[in-house]
Amino acid sequence: MVASKMKKPVVQDIIEANKMVRKVTTRNTRITLPKLEDLKTCKIICYTDVSLANVENSGSQMGIFVMMEDKNAKVCPIAWVYKRIKRVVMSTLAAETLALLEGA
């Protein structure tokens, strides 16, 4: 949400951004990626979600999460995107459709 306010940030936005940076840099975080069985049989899965008109000036945002899944249902993340939808959308259906198209 902080990134959506970077065109016209106010002092409170900078304070919130600094809090988030401190939180992230003080935690010991580790990501473990599983070893997938037989990559030739893996499937690519894409999940999308949107928030309609949740940003200043009635903007909407989309999230896209792409992963690989093996035959044992183990998954490994490939990509993650969270960004503002560039087009003006008037309905949740339109926003969800744009996110699905972008994810494909």
N, C-alpha and C. Protein backbone atom coordinates (compact mmCIF):
# COMPACT_ATOMS: atom_id res chain seq x y z
N MET A 1 0.82 -1.19 0.00
CA MET A 1 0.00 0.00 0.00
C MET A 1 0.86 1.25 0.00
N VAL A 2 2.05 1.18 0.58
CA VAL A 2 2.93 2.35 0.62
C VAL A 2 3.33 2.77 -0.79
N ALA A 3 3.60 1.80 -1.66
CA ALA A 3 4.02 2.13 -3.02
C ALA A 3 2.96 2.92 -3.77
N SER A 4 1.71 2.71 -3.45
CA SER A 4 0.64 3.43 -4.15
C SER A 4 0.59 4.91 -3.76
N LYS A 5 1.28 5.29 -2.70
CA LYS A 5 1.25 6.68 -2.24
C LYS A 5 2.54 7.43 -2.56
N MET A 6 3.44 6.85 -3.30
CA MET A 6 4.75 7.46 -3.51
C MET A 6 4.72 8.66 -4.46
N LYS A 7 3.66 8.86 -5.21
CA LYS A 7 3.58 10.05 -6.05
C LYS A 7 3.39 11.31 -5.22
N LYS A 8 2.58 11.21 -4.17
CA LYS A 8 2.31 12.35 -3.29
C LYS A 8 2.35 11.90 -1.84
N PRO A 9 3.54 11.49 -1.35
CA PRO A 9 3.59 11.02 0.04
C PRO A 9 3.48 12.16 1.03
N VAL A 10 2.90 11.86 2.17
CA VAL A 10 2.87 12.80 3.29
C VAL A 10 3.76 12.21 4.38
N VAL A 11 4.02 12.98 5.42
CA VAL A 11 4.93 12.55 6.48
C VAL A 11 4.50 11.20 7.06
N GLN A 12 3.21 11.01 7.29
CA GLN A 12 2.72 9.75 7.86
C GLN A 12 3.07 8.56 6.97
N ASP A 13 3.03 8.74 5.64
CA ASP A 13 3.38 7.65 4.72
C ASP A 13 4.85 7.26 4.88
N ILE A 14 5.73 8.23 5.04
CA ILE A 14 7.16 7.96 5.23
C ILE A 14 7.39 7.26 6.57
N ILE A 15 6.68 7.68 7.60
CA ILE A 15 6.79 7.04 8.91
C ILE A 15 6.39 5.56 8.81
N GLU A 16 5.28 5.29 8.12
CA GLU A 16 4.81 3.91 7.95
C GLU A 16 5.82 3.08 7.15
N ALA A 17 6.38 3.67 6.09
CA ALA A 17 7.38 2.96 5.28
C ALA A 17 8.61 2.62 6.12
N ASN A 18 9.06 3.56 6.93
CA ASN A 18 10.22 3.32 7.80
C ASN A 18 9.94 2.21 8.82
N LYS A 19 8.71 2.16 9.35
CA LYS A 19 8.34 1.10 10.29
C LYS A 19 8.44 -0.27 9.61
N MET A 20 7.94 -0.34 8.37
CA MET A 20 7.98 -1.61 7.65
C MET A 20 9.41 -2.04 7.36
N VAL A 21 10.26 -1.10 6.97
CA VAL A 21 11.66 -1.42 6.69
C VAL A 21 12.35 -1.93 7.95
N ARG A 22 12.11 -1.27 9.08
CA ARG A 22 12.70 -1.72 10.35
C ARG A 22 12.23 -3.13 10.70
N LYS A 23 10.95 -3.40 10.50
CA LYS A 23 10.39 -4.71 10.83
C LYS A 23 11.04 -5.80 9.97
N VAL A 24 11.17 -5.54 8.69
CA VAL A 24 11.74 -6.53 7.77
C VAL A 24 13.22 -6.76 8.04
N THR A 25 13.97 -5.70 8.31
CA THR A 25 15.42 -5.85 8.50
C THR A 25 15.80 -6.42 9.85
N THR A 26 14.90 -6.42 10.82
CA THR A 26 15.24 -6.96 12.14
C THR A 26 14.80 -8.42 12.31
N ARG A 27 14.05 -8.93 11.39
CA ARG A 27 13.60 -10.33 11.48
C ARG A 27 14.55 -11.24 10.70
N ASN A 28 14.78 -12.41 11.25
CA ASN A 28 15.58 -13.41 10.56
C ASN A 28 14.61 -14.28 9.76
N THR A 29 14.53 -14.04 8.46
CA THR A 29 13.57 -14.73 7.61
C THR A 29 14.31 -15.62 6.61
N ARG A 30 13.74 -16.78 6.35
CA ARG A 30 14.36 -17.71 5.42
C ARG A 30 13.27 -18.30 4.53
N ILE A 31 13.57 -18.42 3.25
CA ILE A 31 12.64 -19.05 2.32
C ILE A 31 13.26 -20.38 1.89
N THR A 32 12.49 -21.44 2.01
CA THR A 32 12.95 -22.76 1.59
C THR A 32 12.15 -23.19 0.37
N LEU A 33 12.85 -23.52 -0.70
CA LEU A 33 12.19 -23.98 -1.92
C LEU A 33 12.29 -25.50 -1.99
N PRO A 34 11.16 -26.19 -2.14
CA PRO A 34 11.20 -27.65 -2.17
C PRO A 34 11.75 -28.18 -3.49
N LYS A 35 12.33 -29.37 -3.42
CA LYS A 35 12.79 -30.05 -4.64
C LYS A 35 11.58 -30.74 -5.25
N LEU A 36 11.29 -30.42 -6.49
CA LEU A 36 10.12 -31.01 -7.17
C LEU A 36 10.53 -32.29 -7.89
N GLU A 37 9.59 -33.24 -7.95
CA GLU A 37 9.82 -34.50 -8.66
C GLU A 37 9.54 -34.30 -10.15
N ASP A 38 10.32 -34.88 -10.98
CA ASP A 38 10.13 -34.94 -12.44
C ASP A 38 9.53 -33.65 -13.03
N LEU A 39 10.38 -32.72 -13.36
CA LEU A 39 9.94 -31.42 -13.88
C LEU A 39 9.12 -31.54 -15.17
N LYS A 40 9.28 -32.63 -15.90
CA LYS A 40 8.54 -32.80 -17.15
C LYS A 40 7.04 -32.96 -16.92
N THR A 41 6.66 -33.42 -15.73
CA THR A 41 5.23 -33.61 -15.44
C THR A 41 4.65 -32.51 -14.56
N CYS A 42 5.46 -31.53 -14.21
CA CYS A 42 4.97 -30.43 -13.35
C CYS A 42 3.95 -29.56 -14.08
N LYS A 43 3.06 -28.98 -13.30
CA LYS A 43 2.06 -28.04 -13.84
C LYS A 43 2.42 -26.64 -13.36
N ILE A 44 2.07 -25.65 -14.18
CA ILE A 44 2.21 -24.25 -13.77
C ILE A 44 0.83 -23.79 -13.31
N ILE A 45 0.78 -23.20 -12.12
CA ILE A 45 -0.48 -22.73 -11.54
C ILE A 45 -0.36 -21.23 -11.30
N CYS A 46 -1.42 -20.51 -11.61
CA CYS A 46 -1.43 -19.06 -11.43
C CYS A 46 -2.68 -18.65 -10.65
N TYR A 47 -2.48 -17.96 -9.54
CA TYR A 47 -3.58 -17.40 -8.75
C TYR A 47 -3.55 -15.89 -8.90
N THR A 48 -4.71 -15.28 -9.05
CA THR A 48 -4.80 -13.82 -9.14
C THR A 48 -5.87 -13.31 -8.18
N ASP A 49 -5.72 -12.06 -7.78
CA ASP A 49 -6.72 -11.42 -6.93
C ASP A 49 -6.62 -9.92 -7.15
N VAL A 50 -7.72 -9.22 -6.93
CA VAL A 50 -7.72 -7.77 -7.11
C VAL A 50 -8.42 -7.09 -5.94
N SER A 51 -8.12 -5.82 -5.81
CA SER A 51 -8.84 -4.94 -4.88
C SER A 51 -9.35 -3.79 -5.71
N LEU A 52 -10.66 -3.66 -5.78
CA LEU A 52 -11.28 -2.65 -6.63
C LEU A 52 -11.37 -1.32 -5.91
N ALA A 53 -10.87 -0.29 -6.55
CA ALA A 53 -10.97 1.10 -6.06
C ALA A 53 -10.49 1.26 -4.62
N ASN A 54 -9.37 0.61 -4.30
CA ASN A 54 -8.86 0.71 -2.93
C ASN A 54 -7.69 1.68 -2.81
N VAL A 55 -7.33 2.33 -3.90
CA VAL A 55 -6.20 3.26 -3.92
C VAL A 55 -6.73 4.66 -4.17
N GLU A 56 -5.95 5.66 -3.77
CA GLU A 56 -6.36 7.05 -4.03
C GLU A 56 -6.72 7.21 -5.50
N ASN A 57 -7.62 8.10 -5.79
CA ASN A 57 -8.10 8.38 -7.15
C ASN A 57 -8.82 7.17 -7.76
N SER A 58 -9.44 6.36 -6.93
CA SER A 58 -10.25 5.20 -7.37
C SER A 58 -9.45 4.16 -8.13
N GLY A 59 -8.16 4.07 -7.92
CA GLY A 59 -7.35 3.05 -8.58
C GLY A 59 -7.59 1.69 -7.96
N SER A 60 -7.27 0.67 -8.73
CA SER A 60 -7.40 -0.71 -8.26
C SER A 60 -6.04 -1.38 -8.34
N GLN A 61 -5.86 -2.45 -7.56
CA GLN A 61 -4.60 -3.17 -7.56
C GLN A 61 -4.83 -4.65 -7.81
N MET A 62 -3.79 -5.31 -8.35
CA MET A 62 -3.88 -6.74 -8.62
C MET A 62 -2.68 -7.46 -8.02
N GLY A 63 -2.91 -8.70 -7.66
CA GLY A 63 -1.84 -9.57 -7.20
C GLY A 63 -1.84 -10.82 -8.04
N ILE A 64 -0.64 -11.27 -8.42
CA ILE A 64 -0.49 -12.47 -9.24
C ILE A 64 0.56 -13.36 -8.57
N PHE A 65 0.24 -14.63 -8.38
CA PHE A 65 1.18 -15.58 -7.77
C PHE A 65 1.27 -16.80 -8.69
N VAL A 66 2.48 -17.08 -9.19
CA VAL A 66 2.70 -18.19 -10.11
C VAL A 66 3.60 -19.22 -9.44
N MET A 67 3.24 -20.50 -9.58
CA MET A 67 4.04 -21.56 -8.97
C MET A 67 4.02 -22.81 -9.84
N MET A 68 4.97 -23.72 -9.56
CA MET A 68 5.00 -25.03 -10.20
C MET A 68 4.55 -26.06 -9.19
N GLU A 69 3.80 -27.06 -9.66
CA GLU A 69 3.32 -28.13 -8.78
C GLU A 69 3.71 -29.47 -9.38
N ASP A 70 4.28 -30.36 -8.56
CA ASP A 70 4.62 -31.69 -9.06
C ASP A 70 3.47 -32.67 -8.79
N LYS A 71 3.68 -33.93 -9.17
CA LYS A 71 2.61 -34.92 -9.04
C LYS A 71 2.26 -35.24 -7.59
N ASN A 72 3.14 -34.88 -6.65
CA ASN A 72 2.88 -35.10 -5.22
C ASN A 72 2.27 -33.88 -4.54
N ALA A 73 1.86 -32.92 -5.32
CA ALA A 73 1.24 -31.67 -4.84
C ALA A 73 2.22 -30.77 -4.08
N LYS A 74 3.52 -30.97 -4.28
CA LYS A 74 4.52 -30.03 -3.75
C LYS A 74 4.55 -28.84 -4.69
N VAL A 75 4.62 -27.65 -4.12
CA VAL A 75 4.65 -26.45 -4.97
C VAL A 75 5.91 -25.63 -4.70
N CYS A 76 6.35 -24.94 -5.75
CA CYS A 76 7.52 -24.07 -5.66
C CYS A 76 7.15 -22.74 -6.32
N PRO A 77 7.25 -21.63 -5.58
CA PRO A 77 6.90 -20.33 -6.17
C PRO A 77 7.86 -19.95 -7.29
N ILE A 78 7.31 -19.35 -8.33
CA ILE A 78 8.11 -18.89 -9.47
C ILE A 78 8.11 -17.37 -9.53
N ALA A 79 6.93 -16.78 -9.36
CA ALA A 79 6.83 -15.32 -9.49
C ALA A 79 5.70 -14.80 -8.62
N TRP A 80 5.86 -13.55 -8.19
CA TRP A 80 4.83 -12.87 -7.41
C TRP A 80 4.85 -11.41 -7.84
N VAL A 81 3.67 -10.87 -8.13
CA VAL A 81 3.55 -9.47 -8.56
C VAL A 81 2.38 -8.84 -7.83
N TYR A 82 2.57 -7.62 -7.37
CA TYR A 82 1.48 -6.84 -6.78
C TYR A 82 1.63 -5.44 -7.33
N LYS A 83 0.65 -4.99 -8.11
CA LYS A 83 0.79 -3.68 -8.73
C LYS A 83 -0.57 -3.06 -9.02
N ARG A 84 -0.52 -1.81 -9.37
CA ARG A 84 -1.72 -1.06 -9.71
C ARG A 84 -2.20 -1.46 -11.11
N ILE A 85 -3.50 -1.56 -11.28
CA ILE A 85 -4.07 -1.85 -12.60
C ILE A 85 -4.05 -0.55 -13.39
N LYS A 86 -3.45 -0.60 -14.58
CA LYS A 86 -3.26 0.62 -15.37
C LYS A 86 -4.55 1.15 -15.98
N ARG A 87 -5.49 0.27 -16.27
CA ARG A 87 -6.75 0.71 -16.87
C ARG A 87 -7.77 1.05 -15.79
N VAL A 88 -8.67 1.93 -16.13
CA VAL A 88 -9.78 2.25 -15.22
C VAL A 88 -10.82 1.15 -15.36
N VAL A 89 -11.17 0.53 -14.24
CA VAL A 89 -12.18 -0.52 -14.26
C VAL A 89 -13.35 -0.11 -13.37
N MET A 90 -14.54 -0.48 -13.79
CA MET A 90 -15.74 -0.08 -13.07
C MET A 90 -16.39 -1.23 -12.31
N SER A 91 -15.84 -2.44 -12.45
CA SER A 91 -16.44 -3.57 -11.75
C SER A 91 -15.36 -4.55 -11.31
N THR A 92 -15.70 -5.35 -10.33
CA THR A 92 -14.78 -6.38 -9.85
C THR A 92 -14.51 -7.39 -10.96
N LEU A 93 -15.54 -7.74 -11.74
CA LEU A 93 -15.38 -8.69 -12.84
C LEU A 93 -14.34 -8.19 -13.84
N ALA A 94 -14.41 -6.91 -14.20
CA ALA A 94 -13.44 -6.35 -15.15
C ALA A 94 -12.03 -6.39 -14.57
N ALA A 95 -11.90 -6.04 -13.31
CA ALA A 95 -10.58 -6.05 -12.66
C ALA A 95 -10.03 -7.47 -12.58
N GLU A 96 -10.87 -8.43 -12.18
CA GLU A 96 -10.42 -9.83 -12.09
C GLU A 96 -10.01 -10.36 -13.46
N THR A 97 -10.75 -9.99 -14.50
CA THR A 97 -10.42 -10.42 -15.86
C THR A 97 -9.07 -9.88 -16.29
N LEU A 98 -8.80 -8.61 -16.02
CA LEU A 98 -7.51 -8.02 -16.37
C LEU A 98 -6.37 -8.72 -15.62
N ALA A 99 -6.58 -9.03 -14.36
CA ALA A 99 -5.55 -9.73 -13.58
C ALA A 99 -5.29 -11.13 -14.15
N LEU A 100 -6.36 -11.83 -14.52
CA LEU A 100 -6.20 -13.16 -15.11
C LEU A 100 -5.43 -13.09 -16.43
N LEU A 101 -5.76 -12.11 -17.26
CA LEU A 101 -5.05 -11.94 -18.53
C LEU A 101 -3.57 -11.65 -18.30
N GLU A 102 -3.28 -10.81 -17.33
CA GLU A 102 -1.89 -10.48 -17.02
C GLU A 102 -1.16 -11.70 -16.47
N GLY A 103 -1.85 -12.51 -15.68
CA GLY A 103 -1.23 -13.71 -15.12
C GLY A 103 -0.96 -14.78 -16.16
N ALA A 104 -1.78 -14.81 -17.20
CA ALA A 104 -1.59 -15.79 -18.27
C ALA A 104 -0.42 -15.40 -19.09
